[in-house]
Amino acid sequence: MRRIWNKINLISIVITLITVQTLGYLSINYFGDYGWTVFILIPIIIGFLPPYISGRKLDLTKSDAYNLSFVTAILASLVLLVFAIEGLICLLMASPILAIGIWIGSYIGFKITNKNLINPTNTTIILLFLSLGFMSFDYINKPTDLIPVRTKIIVNGPIEKVWMNVVTFDKIDEPIDWIFKTGISYPTDATIVGQGVGAVRYCNFTTGSFVEPITTWDEPNLLQFDVKEQPIPMNELNPFWEVHPPHLDGYFKSYKGQFKLTKINANQTELEGTTWYKVDIYPGFYWRAWSDYIVHRIHNRVLNHIKKKSELIKTTE
């Protein structure tokens, strides 16, 4: 740590923090995007700039470069928390991809400084064009296709009994799944107003209710619905303040869903739940893995409750 806490390193850290906070503000608040700029370019810059700047004045080892970059990343995360810009859970979810970017940036910064490959003026120009290019790409690269997530379960009960518990269900037990201990919203119960097409189903979550107008009522085989209104996907955690980052509003959006019931035999039913959604956070391969996992866990919570209630009804009749 003695090699990090000196005036030159502190100057490089401050320059980096100002640079990435500015880029992040422009990307999120001006372009309205959580994308490649935030999750790829900014981590690379956090890794790159400190050893690049300090390495022109100090003799840094590769270990020094990595330490300097990751200390800068920790300080950047603290800035986000202290100024109520972001929450702890999303930082932890993003940490694997952020760490890779920081490591790559630090390696590049160390290498080109040691070999004196790029002068400061050219570096500034390159970073400027990269930043504009990434933000422009984020701005025009919007999701178009709905992403389906399907989850199946076998219920040891007749299809008619399962249908009854699909349309509405009573309060679900408190979750034991770790993901729901983080502030991620989860379903608690469901009610319905009316019957058949045009009825409105309310699937209640810990952050509010999904308002779901029924579009298909094929009893007891298929229940389909649109999503007219939905609550925020999570209550973000912050050790210092209450926080409501922009990504909670509209960046993850469900559009429709269905329950499909298939009769296996008189006392066994296959129950499949499907949600169609969009996620406007990039890179898509990374954040879709998270969102698919969370939607599956939500499905499992509901489907297992329906299974429990349907099998309970069967055994107590």
C-alpha atoms as a PDB file:
ATOM      1  CA  MET A   1       0.000   0.000   0.000  1.00  0.00           C
ATOM      2  CA  ARG A   2       2.978   2.322   0.547  1.00  0.00           C
ATOM      3  CA  ARG A   3       3.493   2.376  -3.217  1.00  0.00           C
ATOM      4  CA  ILE A   4      -0.107   3.536  -3.813  1.00  0.00           C
ATOM      5  CA  TRP A   5      -0.566   6.357  -1.305  1.00  0.00           C
ATOM      6  CA  ASN A   6       1.608   9.080  -2.756  1.00  0.00           C
ATOM      7  CA  LYS A   7       0.846  12.388  -4.460  1.00  0.00           C
ATOM      8  CA  ILE A   8       1.244  11.200  -8.048  1.00  0.00           C
ATOM      9  CA  ASN A   9      -1.002   8.178  -7.547  1.00  0.00           C
ATOM     10  CA  LEU A  10      -3.612  10.290  -5.768  1.00  0.00           C
ATOM     11  CA  ILE A  11      -3.647  12.730  -8.692  1.00  0.00           C
ATOM     12  CA  SER A  12      -4.107   9.849 -11.151  1.00  0.00           C
ATOM     13  CA  ILE A  13      -6.946   8.428  -9.032  1.00  0.00           C
ATOM     14  CA  VAL A  14      -8.724  11.803  -8.842  1.00  0.00           C
ATOM     15  CA  ILE A  15      -8.404  12.369 -12.603  1.00  0.00           C
ATOM     16  CA  THR A  16      -9.801   8.893 -13.216  1.00  0.00           C
ATOM     17  CA  LEU A  17     -12.733   9.368 -10.834  1.00  0.00           C
ATOM     18  CA  ILE A  18     -13.684  12.689 -12.446  1.00  0.00           C
ATOM     19  CA  THR A  19     -13.411  11.161 -15.926  1.00  0.00           C
ATOM     20  CA  VAL A  20     -15.526   8.086 -15.275  1.00  0.00           C
ATOM     21  CA  GLN A  21     -18.165   9.936 -13.234  1.00  0.00           C
ATOM     22  CA  THR A  22     -18.562  12.388 -16.111  1.00  0.00           C
ATOM     23  CA  LEU A  23     -18.857   9.587 -18.662  1.00  0.00           C
ATOM     24  CA  GLY A  24     -21.317   7.713 -16.476  1.00  0.00           C
ATOM     25  CA  TYR A  25     -23.459  10.794 -15.944  1.00  0.00           C
ATOM     26  CA  LEU A  26     -23.596  11.546 -19.666  1.00  0.00           C
ATOM     27  CA  SER A  27     -24.368   7.953 -20.606  1.00  0.00           C
ATOM     28  CA  ILE A  28     -27.135   7.457 -18.028  1.00  0.00           C
ATOM     29  CA  ASN A  29     -28.702  10.895 -17.648  1.00  0.00           C
ATOM     30  CA  TYR A  30     -28.206  12.330 -21.145  1.00  0.00           C
ATOM     31  CA  PHE A  31     -28.305   9.271 -23.403  1.00  0.00           C
ATOM     32  CA  GLY A  32     -30.492   7.295 -20.997  1.00  0.00           C
ATOM     33  CA  ASP A  33     -28.438   4.123 -21.322  1.00  0.00           C
ATOM     34  CA  TYR A  34     -26.972   1.478 -19.090  1.00  0.00           C
ATOM     35  CA  GLY A  35     -24.874  -0.190 -21.744  1.00  0.00           C
ATOM     36  CA  TRP A  36     -21.431  -0.850 -23.125  1.00  0.00           C
ATOM     37  CA  THR A  37     -20.188   2.559 -21.962  1.00  0.00           C
ATOM     38  CA  VAL A  38     -21.108   1.921 -18.326  1.00  0.00           C
ATOM     39  CA  PHE A  39     -20.202  -1.754 -18.061  1.00  0.00           C
ATOM     40  CA  ILE A  40     -17.323  -2.130 -20.547  1.00  0.00           C
ATOM     41  CA  LEU A  41     -15.673   1.202 -21.412  1.00  0.00           C
ATOM     42  CA  ILE A  42     -15.773   2.788 -17.949  1.00  0.00           C
ATOM     43  CA  PRO A  43     -14.230  -0.253 -16.180  1.00  0.00           C
ATOM     44  CA  ILE A  44     -11.477  -0.351 -18.797  1.00  0.00           C
ATOM     45  CA  ILE A  45     -10.790   3.356 -18.221  1.00  0.00           C
ATOM     46  CA  ILE A  46     -10.777   2.828 -14.443  1.00  0.00           C
ATOM     47  CA  GLY A  47      -8.136   0.148 -14.977  1.00  0.00           C
ATOM     48  CA  PHE A  48      -6.214   2.035 -17.641  1.00  0.00           C
ATOM     49  CA  LEU A  49      -5.832   5.643 -16.485  1.00  0.00           C
ATOM     50  CA  PRO A  50      -4.223   5.289 -13.017  1.00  0.00           C
ATOM     51  CA  PRO A  51      -1.220   3.179 -14.092  1.00  0.00           C
ATOM     52  CA  TYR A  52      -0.991   5.089 -17.378  1.00  0.00           C
ATOM     53  CA  ILE A  53      -0.807   8.485 -15.639  1.00  0.00           C
ATOM     54  CA  SER A  54       1.311   7.402 -12.686  1.00  0.00           C
ATOM     55  CA  GLY A  55       3.564   5.212 -14.821  1.00  0.00           C
ATOM     56  CA  ARG A  56       4.921   8.279 -16.602  1.00  0.00           C
ATOM     57  CA  LYS A  57       6.332   9.572 -13.321  1.00  0.00           C
ATOM     58  CA  LEU A  58       6.861   6.427 -11.259  1.00  0.00           C
ATOM     59  CA  ASP A  59       8.473   3.066 -11.883  1.00  0.00           C
ATOM     60  CA  LEU A  60       5.440   0.789 -11.447  1.00  0.00           C
ATOM     61  CA  THR A  61       5.512  -2.984 -11.425  1.00  0.00           C
ATOM     62  CA  LYS A  62       2.615  -4.939 -12.894  1.00  0.00           C
ATOM     63  CA  SER A  63       1.421  -5.664  -9.347  1.00  0.00           C
ATOM     64  CA  ASP A  64       1.535  -1.933  -8.546  1.00  0.00           C
ATOM     65  CA  ALA A  65      -0.557  -1.220 -11.626  1.00  0.00           C
ATOM     66  CA  TYR A  66      -3.212  -3.775 -10.684  1.00  0.00           C
ATOM     67  CA  ASN A  67      -3.348  -2.574  -7.079  1.00  0.00           C
ATOM     68  CA  LEU A  68      -3.679   1.049  -8.176  1.00  0.00           C
ATOM     69  CA  SER A  69      -6.472   0.237 -10.636  1.00  0.00           C
ATOM     70  CA  PHE A  70      -8.522  -1.819  -8.197  1.00  0.00           C
ATOM     71  CA  VAL A  71      -8.130   0.710  -5.384  1.00  0.00           C
ATOM     72  CA  THR A  72      -9.472   3.295  -7.823  1.00  0.00           C
ATOM     73  CA  ALA A  73     -12.399   0.964  -8.610  1.00  0.00           C
ATOM     74  CA  ILE A  74     -13.208   0.599  -4.902  1.00  0.00           C
ATOM     75  CA  LEU A  75     -13.153   4.371  -4.464  1.00  0.00           C
ATOM     76  CA  ALA A  76     -15.365   4.806  -7.559  1.00  0.00           C
ATOM     77  CA  SER A  77     -17.881   2.369  -6.057  1.00  0.00           C
ATOM     78  CA  LEU A  78     -17.841   4.265  -2.755  1.00  0.00           C
ATOM     79  CA  VAL A  79     -18.577   7.487  -4.617  1.00  0.00           C
ATOM     80  CA  LEU A  80     -21.636   5.839  -6.206  1.00  0.00           C
ATOM     81  CA  LEU A  81     -22.875   4.675  -2.801  1.00  0.00           C
ATOM     82  CA  VAL A  82     -22.103   7.806  -0.776  1.00  0.00           C
ATOM     83  CA  PHE A  83     -23.740  10.132  -3.304  1.00  0.00           C
ATOM     84  CA  ALA A  84     -26.769   7.823  -3.658  1.00  0.00           C
ATOM     85  CA  ILE A  85     -26.101   7.254  -7.355  1.00  0.00           C
ATOM     86  CA  GLU A  86     -26.263   3.465  -7.190  1.00  0.00           C
ATOM     87  CA  GLY A  87     -27.089   0.634  -4.830  1.00  0.00           C
ATOM     88  CA  LEU A  88     -25.020  -2.164  -3.395  1.00  0.00           C
ATOM     89  CA  ILE A  89     -26.850  -5.094  -5.014  1.00  0.00           C
ATOM     90  CA  CYS A  90     -26.463  -3.888  -8.593  1.00  0.00           C
ATOM     91  CA  LEU A  91     -22.793  -3.155  -7.981  1.00  0.00           C
ATOM     92  CA  LEU A  92     -22.325  -6.699  -6.711  1.00  0.00           C
ATOM     93  CA  MET A  93     -24.260  -8.134  -9.674  1.00  0.00           C
ATOM     94  CA  ALA A  94     -22.089  -6.146 -12.082  1.00  0.00           C
ATOM     95  CA  SER A  95     -18.813  -6.862 -10.260  1.00  0.00           C
ATOM     96  CA  PRO A  96     -17.657  -9.865 -12.364  1.00  0.00           C
ATOM     97  CA  ILE A  97     -17.858  -8.013 -15.677  1.00  0.00           C
ATOM     98  CA  LEU A  98     -16.506  -4.815 -14.093  1.00  0.00           C
ATOM     99  CA  ALA A  99     -13.511  -6.681 -12.658  1.00  0.00           C
ATOM    100  CA  ILE A 100     -12.630  -8.135 -16.067  1.00  0.00           C
ATOM    101  CA  GLY A 101     -12.734  -4.685 -17.680  1.00  0.00           C
ATOM    102  CA  ILE A 102     -10.610  -3.169 -14.908  1.00  0.00           C
ATOM    103  CA  TRP A 103      -8.031  -5.943 -15.216  1.00  0.00           C
ATOM    104  CA  ILE A 104      -7.820  -5.522 -19.013  1.00  0.00           C
ATOM    105  CA  GLY A 105      -7.501  -1.744 -18.719  1.00  0.00           C
ATOM    106  CA  SER A 106      -4.824  -1.993 -16.070  1.00  0.00           C
ATOM    107  CA  TYR A 107      -2.798  -4.425 -18.154  1.00  0.00           C
ATOM    108  CA  ILE A 108      -2.997  -2.166 -21.224  1.00  0.00           C
ATOM    109  CA  GLY A 109      -2.102   0.926 -19.183  1.00  0.00           C
ATOM    110  CA  PHE A 110       0.909  -0.783 -17.652  1.00  0.00           C
ATOM    111  CA  LYS A 111       2.173  -2.194 -20.971  1.00  0.00           C
ATOM    112  CA  ILE A 112       1.903   0.925 -23.120  1.00  0.00           C
ATOM    113  CA  THR A 113       3.387   3.137 -20.397  1.00  0.00           C
ATOM    114  CA  ASN A 114       6.386   0.861 -19.938  1.00  0.00           C
ATOM    115  CA  LYS A 115       6.994   0.773 -23.674  1.00  0.00           C
ATOM    116  CA  ASN A 116       6.035   4.454 -24.128  1.00  0.00           C
ATOM    117  CA  LEU A 117       3.777   3.479 -27.045  1.00  0.00           C
ATOM    118  CA  ILE A 118       1.228   6.311 -26.965  1.00  0.00           C
ATOM    119  CA  ASN A 119       1.777   9.921 -25.979  1.00  0.00           C
ATOM    120  CA  PRO A 120      -0.727  11.699 -23.684  1.00  0.00           C
ATOM    121  CA  THR A 121      -2.291  13.779 -26.464  1.00  0.00           C
ATOM    122  CA  ASN A 122      -3.023  10.759 -28.627  1.00  0.00           C
ATOM    123  CA  THR A 123      -4.352   8.874 -25.596  1.00  0.00           C
ATOM    124  CA  THR A 124      -6.805  11.675 -24.826  1.00  0.00           C
ATOM    125  CA  ILE A 125      -8.031  11.735 -28.426  1.00  0.00           C
ATOM    126  CA  ILE A 126      -8.446   7.949 -28.504  1.00  0.00           C
ATOM    127  CA  LEU A 127     -10.403   7.922 -25.224  1.00  0.00           C
ATOM    128  CA  LEU A 128     -12.628  10.746 -26.461  1.00  0.00           C
ATOM    129  CA  PHE A 129     -13.488   8.926 -29.693  1.00  0.00           C
ATOM    130  CA  LEU A 130     -13.988   5.638 -27.865  1.00  0.00           C
ATOM    131  CA  SER A 131     -16.361   7.309 -25.400  1.00  0.00           C
ATOM    132  CA  LEU A 132     -18.406   8.965 -28.147  1.00  0.00           C
ATOM    133  CA  GLY A 133     -18.468   5.727 -30.123  1.00  0.00           C
ATOM    134  CA  PHE A 134     -19.632   3.616 -27.191  1.00  0.00           C
ATOM    135  CA  MET A 135     -22.335   6.095 -26.136  1.00  0.00           C
ATOM    136  CA  SER A 136     -23.599   6.424 -29.717  1.00  0.00           C
ATOM    137  CA  PHE A 137     -23.735   2.641 -30.035  1.00  0.00           C
ATOM    138  CA  ASP A 138     -25.705   2.376 -26.781  1.00  0.00           C
ATOM    139  CA  TYR A 139     -28.111   5.063 -27.931  1.00  0.00           C
ATOM    140  CA  ILE A 140     -29.095   3.325 -31.176  1.00  0.00           C
ATOM    141  CA  ASN A 141     -28.806  -0.282 -29.947  1.00  0.00           C
ATOM    142  CA  LYS A 142     -32.237  -0.736 -28.350  1.00  0.00           C
ATOM    143  CA  PRO A 143     -33.885  -4.120 -27.655  1.00  0.00           C
ATOM    144  CA  THR A 144     -36.550  -5.102 -30.177  1.00  0.00           C
ATOM    145  CA  ASP A 145     -37.383  -8.754 -29.508  1.00  0.00           C
ATOM    146  CA  LEU A 146     -39.217 -10.079 -26.479  1.00  0.00           C
ATOM    147  CA  ILE A 147     -37.261 -12.622 -24.442  1.00  0.00           C
ATOM    148  CA  PRO A 148     -39.300 -15.674 -23.356  1.00  0.00           C
ATOM    149  CA  VAL A 149     -38.529 -17.470 -20.104  1.00  0.00           C
ATOM    150  CA  ARG A 150     -40.323 -20.808 -19.597  1.00  0.00           C
ATOM    151  CA  THR A 151     -40.410 -22.867 -16.418  1.00  0.00           C
ATOM    152  CA  LYS A 152     -42.143 -26.244 -16.027  1.00  0.00           C
ATOM    153  CA  ILE A 153     -43.219 -28.315 -13.068  1.00  0.00           C
ATOM    154  CA  ILE A 154     -45.201 -31.530 -12.590  1.00  0.00           C
ATOM    155  CA  VAL A 155     -48.162 -31.278 -10.209  1.00  0.00           C
ATOM    156  CA  ASN A 156     -49.631 -34.436  -8.678  1.00  0.00           C
ATOM    157  CA  GLY A 157     -53.205 -33.237  -9.002  1.00  0.00           C
ATOM    158  CA  PRO A 158     -56.035 -33.131 -11.558  1.00  0.00           C
ATOM    159  CA  ILE A 159     -55.882 -30.357 -14.118  1.00  0.00           C
ATOM    160  CA  GLU A 160     -59.128 -28.750 -12.873  1.00  0.00           C
ATOM    161  CA  LYS A 161     -57.702 -28.310  -9.377  1.00  0.00           C
ATOM    162  CA  VAL A 162     -54.448 -26.878 -10.706  1.00  0.00           C
ATOM    163  CA  TRP A 163     -56.370 -24.362 -12.834  1.00  0.00           C
ATOM    164  CA  MET A 164     -58.192 -23.061  -9.760  1.00  0.00           C
ATOM    165  CA  ASN A 165     -54.870 -22.252  -8.095  1.00  0.00           C
ATOM    166  CA  VAL A 166     -53.400 -20.708 -11.248  1.00  0.00           C
ATOM    167  CA  VAL A 167     -56.111 -18.093 -11.703  1.00  0.00           C
ATOM    168  CA  THR A 168     -55.732 -16.857  -8.121  1.00  0.00           C
ATOM    169  CA  PHE A 169     -53.595 -18.008  -5.229  1.00  0.00           C
ATOM    170  CA  ASP A 170     -53.357 -17.074  -1.563  1.00  0.00           C
ATOM    171  CA  LYS A 171     -50.357 -15.712   0.288  1.00  0.00           C
ATOM    172  CA  ILE A 172     -47.108 -17.529  -0.425  1.00  0.00           C
ATOM    173  CA  ASP A 173     -44.757 -18.346   2.448  1.00  0.00           C
ATOM    174  CA  GLU A 174     -41.772 -16.089   3.013  1.00  0.00           C
ATOM    175  CA  PRO A 175     -38.965 -16.993   0.589  1.00  0.00           C
ATOM    176  CA  ILE A 176     -35.900 -18.997   1.495  1.00  0.00           C
ATOM    177  CA  ASP A 177     -34.247 -18.373  -1.888  1.00  0.00           C
ATOM    178  CA  TRP A 178     -31.127 -16.205  -1.407  1.00  0.00           C
ATOM    179  CA  ILE A 179     -31.886 -13.964  -4.388  1.00  0.00           C
ATOM    180  CA  PHE A 180     -35.029 -12.642  -2.682  1.00  0.00           C
ATOM    181  CA  LYS A 181     -33.023 -11.645   0.393  1.00  0.00           C
ATOM    182  CA  THR A 182     -31.224  -8.986  -1.657  1.00  0.00           C
ATOM    183  CA  GLY A 183     -34.166  -6.672  -2.314  1.00  0.00           C
ATOM    184  CA  ILE A 184     -35.287  -8.313  -5.578  1.00  0.00           C
ATOM    185  CA  SER A 185     -39.082  -8.085  -5.773  1.00  0.00           C
ATOM    186  CA  TYR A 186     -40.970 -11.374  -5.425  1.00  0.00           C
ATOM    187  CA  PRO A 187     -44.639 -12.460  -5.693  1.00  0.00           C
ATOM    188  CA  THR A 188     -46.789 -12.765  -2.590  1.00  0.00           C
ATOM    189  CA  ASP A 189     -50.312 -13.605  -3.873  1.00  0.00           C
ATOM    190  CA  ALA A 190     -52.670 -13.126  -6.832  1.00  0.00           C
ATOM    191  CA  THR A 191     -56.285 -11.992  -7.155  1.00  0.00           C
ATOM    192  CA  ILE A 192     -58.614 -11.488 -10.108  1.00  0.00           C
ATOM    193  CA  VAL A 193     -61.534  -9.206 -10.900  1.00  0.00           C
ATOM    194  CA  GLY A 194     -63.985 -10.805 -13.314  1.00  0.00           C
ATOM    195  CA  GLN A 195     -63.796 -14.040 -15.269  1.00  0.00           C
ATOM    196  CA  GLY A 196     -62.838 -14.892 -18.823  1.00  0.00           C
ATOM    197  CA  VAL A 197     -61.255 -12.634 -21.427  1.00  0.00           C
ATOM    198  CA  GLY A 198     -61.308  -9.043 -20.181  1.00  0.00           C
ATOM    199  CA  ALA A 199     -60.937  -9.962 -16.523  1.00  0.00           C
ATOM    200  CA  VAL A 200     -58.027  -8.309 -14.731  1.00  0.00           C
ATOM    201  CA  ARG A 201     -55.580 -10.346 -12.693  1.00  0.00           C
ATOM    202  CA  TYR A 202     -53.422  -8.705 -10.036  1.00  0.00           C
ATOM    203  CA  CYS A 203     -50.189 -10.513  -9.236  1.00  0.00           C
ATOM    204  CA  ASN A 204     -48.945  -8.812  -6.094  1.00  0.00           C
ATOM    205  CA  PHE A 205     -45.217  -8.430  -5.471  1.00  0.00           C
ATOM    206  CA  THR A 206     -43.302  -6.933  -2.560  1.00  0.00           C
ATOM    207  CA  THR A 207     -42.848  -3.669  -4.502  1.00  0.00           C
ATOM    208  CA  GLY A 208     -46.377  -3.423  -5.929  1.00  0.00           C
ATOM    209  CA  SER A 209     -48.770  -5.169  -8.293  1.00  0.00           C
ATOM    210  CA  PHE A 210     -48.584  -6.431 -11.856  1.00  0.00           C
ATOM    211  CA  VAL A 211     -51.853  -5.495 -13.550  1.00  0.00           C
ATOM    212  CA  GLU A 212     -52.616  -8.261 -16.035  1.00  0.00           C
ATOM    213  CA  PRO A 213     -55.662  -8.037 -18.358  1.00  0.00           C
ATOM    214  CA  ILE A 214     -56.646 -11.549 -19.454  1.00  0.00           C
ATOM    215  CA  THR A 215     -56.346 -12.120 -23.220  1.00  0.00           C
ATOM    216  CA  THR A 216     -56.962 -15.896 -23.372  1.00  0.00           C
ATOM    217  CA  TRP A 217     -59.153 -17.896 -21.001  1.00  0.00           C
ATOM    218  CA  ASP A 218     -59.150 -21.511 -22.164  1.00  0.00           C
ATOM    219  CA  GLU A 219     -60.171 -23.335 -18.989  1.00  0.00           C
ATOM    220  CA  PRO A 220     -58.456 -25.510 -17.800  1.00  0.00           C
ATOM    221  CA  ASN A 221     -55.643 -25.457 -20.365  1.00  0.00           C
ATOM    222  CA  LEU A 222     -54.353 -21.958 -21.035  1.00  0.00           C
ATOM    223  CA  LEU A 223     -54.394 -18.576 -19.283  1.00  0.00           C
ATOM    224  CA  GLN A 224     -52.720 -15.715 -21.152  1.00  0.00           C
ATOM    225  CA  PHE A 225     -52.436 -12.077 -20.139  1.00  0.00           C
ATOM    226  CA  ASP A 226     -50.780  -8.805 -21.028  1.00  0.00           C
ATOM    227  CA  VAL A 227     -48.905  -6.677 -18.509  1.00  0.00           C
ATOM    228  CA  LYS A 228     -50.541  -3.252 -18.328  1.00  0.00           C
ATOM    229  CA  GLU A 229     -48.728  -1.955 -15.247  1.00  0.00           C
ATOM    230  CA  GLN A 230     -45.818  -3.226 -13.197  1.00  0.00           C
ATOM    231  CA  PRO A 231     -43.872  -2.202 -10.102  1.00  0.00           C
ATOM    232  CA  ILE A 232     -40.145  -1.566  -9.823  1.00  0.00           C
ATOM    233  CA  PRO A 233     -38.117  -4.802  -9.991  1.00  0.00           C
ATOM    234  CA  MET A 234     -36.327  -4.333  -6.678  1.00  0.00           C
ATOM    235  CA  ASN A 235     -35.744  -2.202  -3.618  1.00  0.00           C
ATOM    236  CA  GLU A 236     -32.101  -1.246  -4.071  1.00  0.00           C
ATOM    237  CA  LEU A 237     -29.886  -1.390  -0.980  1.00  0.00           C
ATOM    238  CA  ASN A 238     -27.491   1.355   0.026  1.00  0.00           C
ATOM    239  CA  PRO A 239     -25.619   1.403   3.358  1.00  0.00           C
ATOM    240  CA  PHE A 240     -25.811   5.219   3.527  1.00  0.00           C
ATOM    241  CA  TRP A 241     -29.094   6.444   2.018  1.00  0.00           C
ATOM    242  CA  GLU A 242     -32.290   5.431   0.316  1.00  0.00           C
ATOM    243  CA  VAL A 243     -31.557   5.208  -3.388  1.00  0.00           C
ATOM    244  CA  HIS A 244     -33.608   4.945  -6.565  1.00  0.00           C
ATOM    245  CA  PRO A 245     -31.246   4.636  -9.556  1.00  0.00           C
ATOM    246  CA  PRO A 246     -32.724   5.185 -13.041  1.00  0.00           C
ATOM    247  CA  HIS A 247     -32.332   1.522 -14.045  1.00  0.00           C
ATOM    248  CA  LEU A 248     -35.267   0.650 -11.767  1.00  0.00           C
ATOM    249  CA  ASP A 249     -37.653   2.495 -14.098  1.00  0.00           C
ATOM    250  CA  GLY A 250     -38.343   0.773 -17.391  1.00  0.00           C
ATOM    251  CA  TYR A 251     -35.010  -0.911 -18.085  1.00  0.00           C
ATOM    252  CA  PHE A 252     -36.522  -4.291 -17.228  1.00  0.00           C
ATOM    253  CA  LYS A 253     -40.079  -4.617 -18.503  1.00  0.00           C
ATOM    254  CA  SER A 254     -42.490  -7.544 -18.715  1.00  0.00           C
ATOM    255  CA  TYR A 255     -44.931  -7.459 -21.631  1.00  0.00           C
ATOM    256  CA  LYS A 256     -47.031 -10.599 -21.306  1.00  0.00           C
ATOM    257  CA  GLY A 257     -47.251 -13.997 -19.655  1.00  0.00           C
ATOM    258  CA  GLN A 258     -49.126 -17.263 -19.620  1.00  0.00           C
ATOM    259  CA  PHE A 259     -49.839 -20.437 -17.694  1.00  0.00           C
ATOM    260  CA  LYS A 260     -50.156 -23.560 -19.816  1.00  0.00           C
ATOM    261  CA  LEU A 261     -51.626 -26.715 -18.271  1.00  0.00           C
ATOM    262  CA  THR A 262     -51.250 -30.140 -19.889  1.00  0.00           C
ATOM    263  CA  LYS A 263     -53.091 -33.180 -18.571  1.00  0.00           C
ATOM    264  CA  ILE A 264     -50.744 -36.130 -18.105  1.00  0.00           C
ATOM    265  CA  ASN A 265     -53.338 -38.393 -16.502  1.00  0.00           C
ATOM    266  CA  ALA A 266     -56.327 -38.050 -14.185  1.00  0.00           C
ATOM    267  CA  ASN A 267     -54.152 -37.062 -11.227  1.00  0.00           C
ATOM    268  CA  GLN A 268     -51.097 -35.485 -12.800  1.00  0.00           C
ATOM    269  CA  THR A 269     -50.650 -32.174 -14.629  1.00  0.00           C
ATOM    270  CA  GLU A 270     -47.732 -30.454 -16.333  1.00  0.00           C
ATOM    271  CA  LEU A 271     -47.771 -26.767 -15.446  1.00  0.00           C
ATOM    272  CA  GLU A 272     -45.688 -24.321 -17.483  1.00  0.00           C
ATOM    273  CA  GLY A 273     -45.275 -20.617 -16.743  1.00  0.00           C
ATOM    274  CA  THR A 274     -43.892 -18.218 -19.348  1.00  0.00           C
ATOM    275  CA  THR A 275     -42.918 -14.546 -19.140  1.00  0.00           C
ATOM    276  CA  TRP A 276     -41.983 -12.380 -22.137  1.00  0.00           C
ATOM    277  CA  TYR A 277     -39.808  -9.400 -21.258  1.00  0.00           C
ATOM    278  CA  LYS A 278     -37.212  -6.928 -22.527  1.00  0.00           C
ATOM    279  CA  VAL A 279     -34.080  -5.789 -20.747  1.00  0.00           C
ATOM    280  CA  ASP A 280     -32.538  -2.513 -21.897  1.00  0.00           C
ATOM    281  CA  ILE A 281     -29.170  -3.020 -20.198  1.00  0.00           C
ATOM    282  CA  TYR A 282     -26.065  -4.149 -22.071  1.00  0.00           C
ATOM    283  CA  PRO A 283     -24.045  -6.209 -22.750  1.00  0.00           C
ATOM    284  CA  GLY A 284     -27.134  -8.341 -23.294  1.00  0.00           C
ATOM    285  CA  PHE A 285     -25.454 -11.736 -22.835  1.00  0.00           C
ATOM    286  CA  TYR A 286     -24.434 -10.776 -19.304  1.00  0.00           C
ATOM    287  CA  TRP A 287     -27.577  -9.069 -18.028  1.00  0.00           C
ATOM    288  CA  ARG A 288     -29.908 -11.542 -19.717  1.00  0.00           C
ATOM    289  CA  ALA A 289     -28.210 -14.320 -17.744  1.00  0.00           C
ATOM    290  CA  TRP A 290     -29.100 -12.460 -14.533  1.00  0.00           C
ATOM    291  CA  SER A 291     -32.651 -11.552 -15.598  1.00  0.00           C
ATOM    292  CA  ASP A 292     -33.412 -15.068 -16.886  1.00  0.00           C
ATOM    293  CA  TYR A 293     -32.192 -16.517 -13.595  1.00  0.00           C
ATOM    294  CA  ILE A 294     -34.353 -14.128 -11.551  1.00  0.00           C
ATOM    295  CA  VAL A 295     -37.470 -14.732 -13.685  1.00  0.00           C
ATOM    296  CA  HIS A 296     -36.980 -18.505 -13.322  1.00  0.00           C
ATOM    297  CA  ARG A 297     -36.744 -18.098  -9.544  1.00  0.00           C
ATOM    298  CA  ILE A 298     -39.956 -16.047  -9.544  1.00  0.00           C
ATOM    299  CA  HIS A 299     -41.662 -18.716 -11.684  1.00  0.00           C
ATOM    300  CA  ASN A 300     -40.464 -21.471  -9.362  1.00  0.00           C
ATOM    301  CA  ARG A 301     -41.811 -19.620  -6.335  1.00  0.00           C
ATOM    302  CA  VAL A 302     -45.281 -19.338  -7.899  1.00  0.00           C
ATOM    303  CA  LEU A 303     -45.367 -22.775  -9.522  1.00  0.00           C
ATOM    304  CA  ASN A 304     -44.238 -24.568  -6.365  1.00  0.00           C
ATOM    305  CA  HIS A 305     -46.910 -22.743  -4.372  1.00  0.00           C
ATOM    306  CA  ILE A 306     -49.561 -23.801  -6.914  1.00  0.00           C
ATOM    307  CA  LYS A 307     -48.218 -27.372  -6.749  1.00  0.00           C
ATOM    308  CA  LYS A 308     -48.374 -27.367  -2.948  1.00  0.00           C
ATOM    309  CA  LYS A 309     -51.927 -26.028  -2.822  1.00  0.00           C
ATOM    310  CA  SER A 310     -53.173 -28.312  -5.615  1.00  0.00           C
ATOM    311  CA  GLU A 311     -51.709 -31.404  -4.012  1.00  0.00           C
ATOM    312  CA  LEU A 312     -53.012 -30.341  -0.594  1.00  0.00           C
ATOM    313  CA  ILE A 313     -56.547 -30.000  -1.963  1.00  0.00           C
ATOM    314  CA  LYS A 314     -56.264 -33.420  -3.525  1.00  0.00           C
ATOM    315  CA  THR A 315     -55.102 -35.175  -0.347  1.00  0.00           C
ATOM    316  CA  THR A 316     -57.639 -33.525   1.967  1.00  0.00           C
ATOM    317  CA  GLU A 317     -60.746 -34.233  -0.138  1.00  0.00           C
END
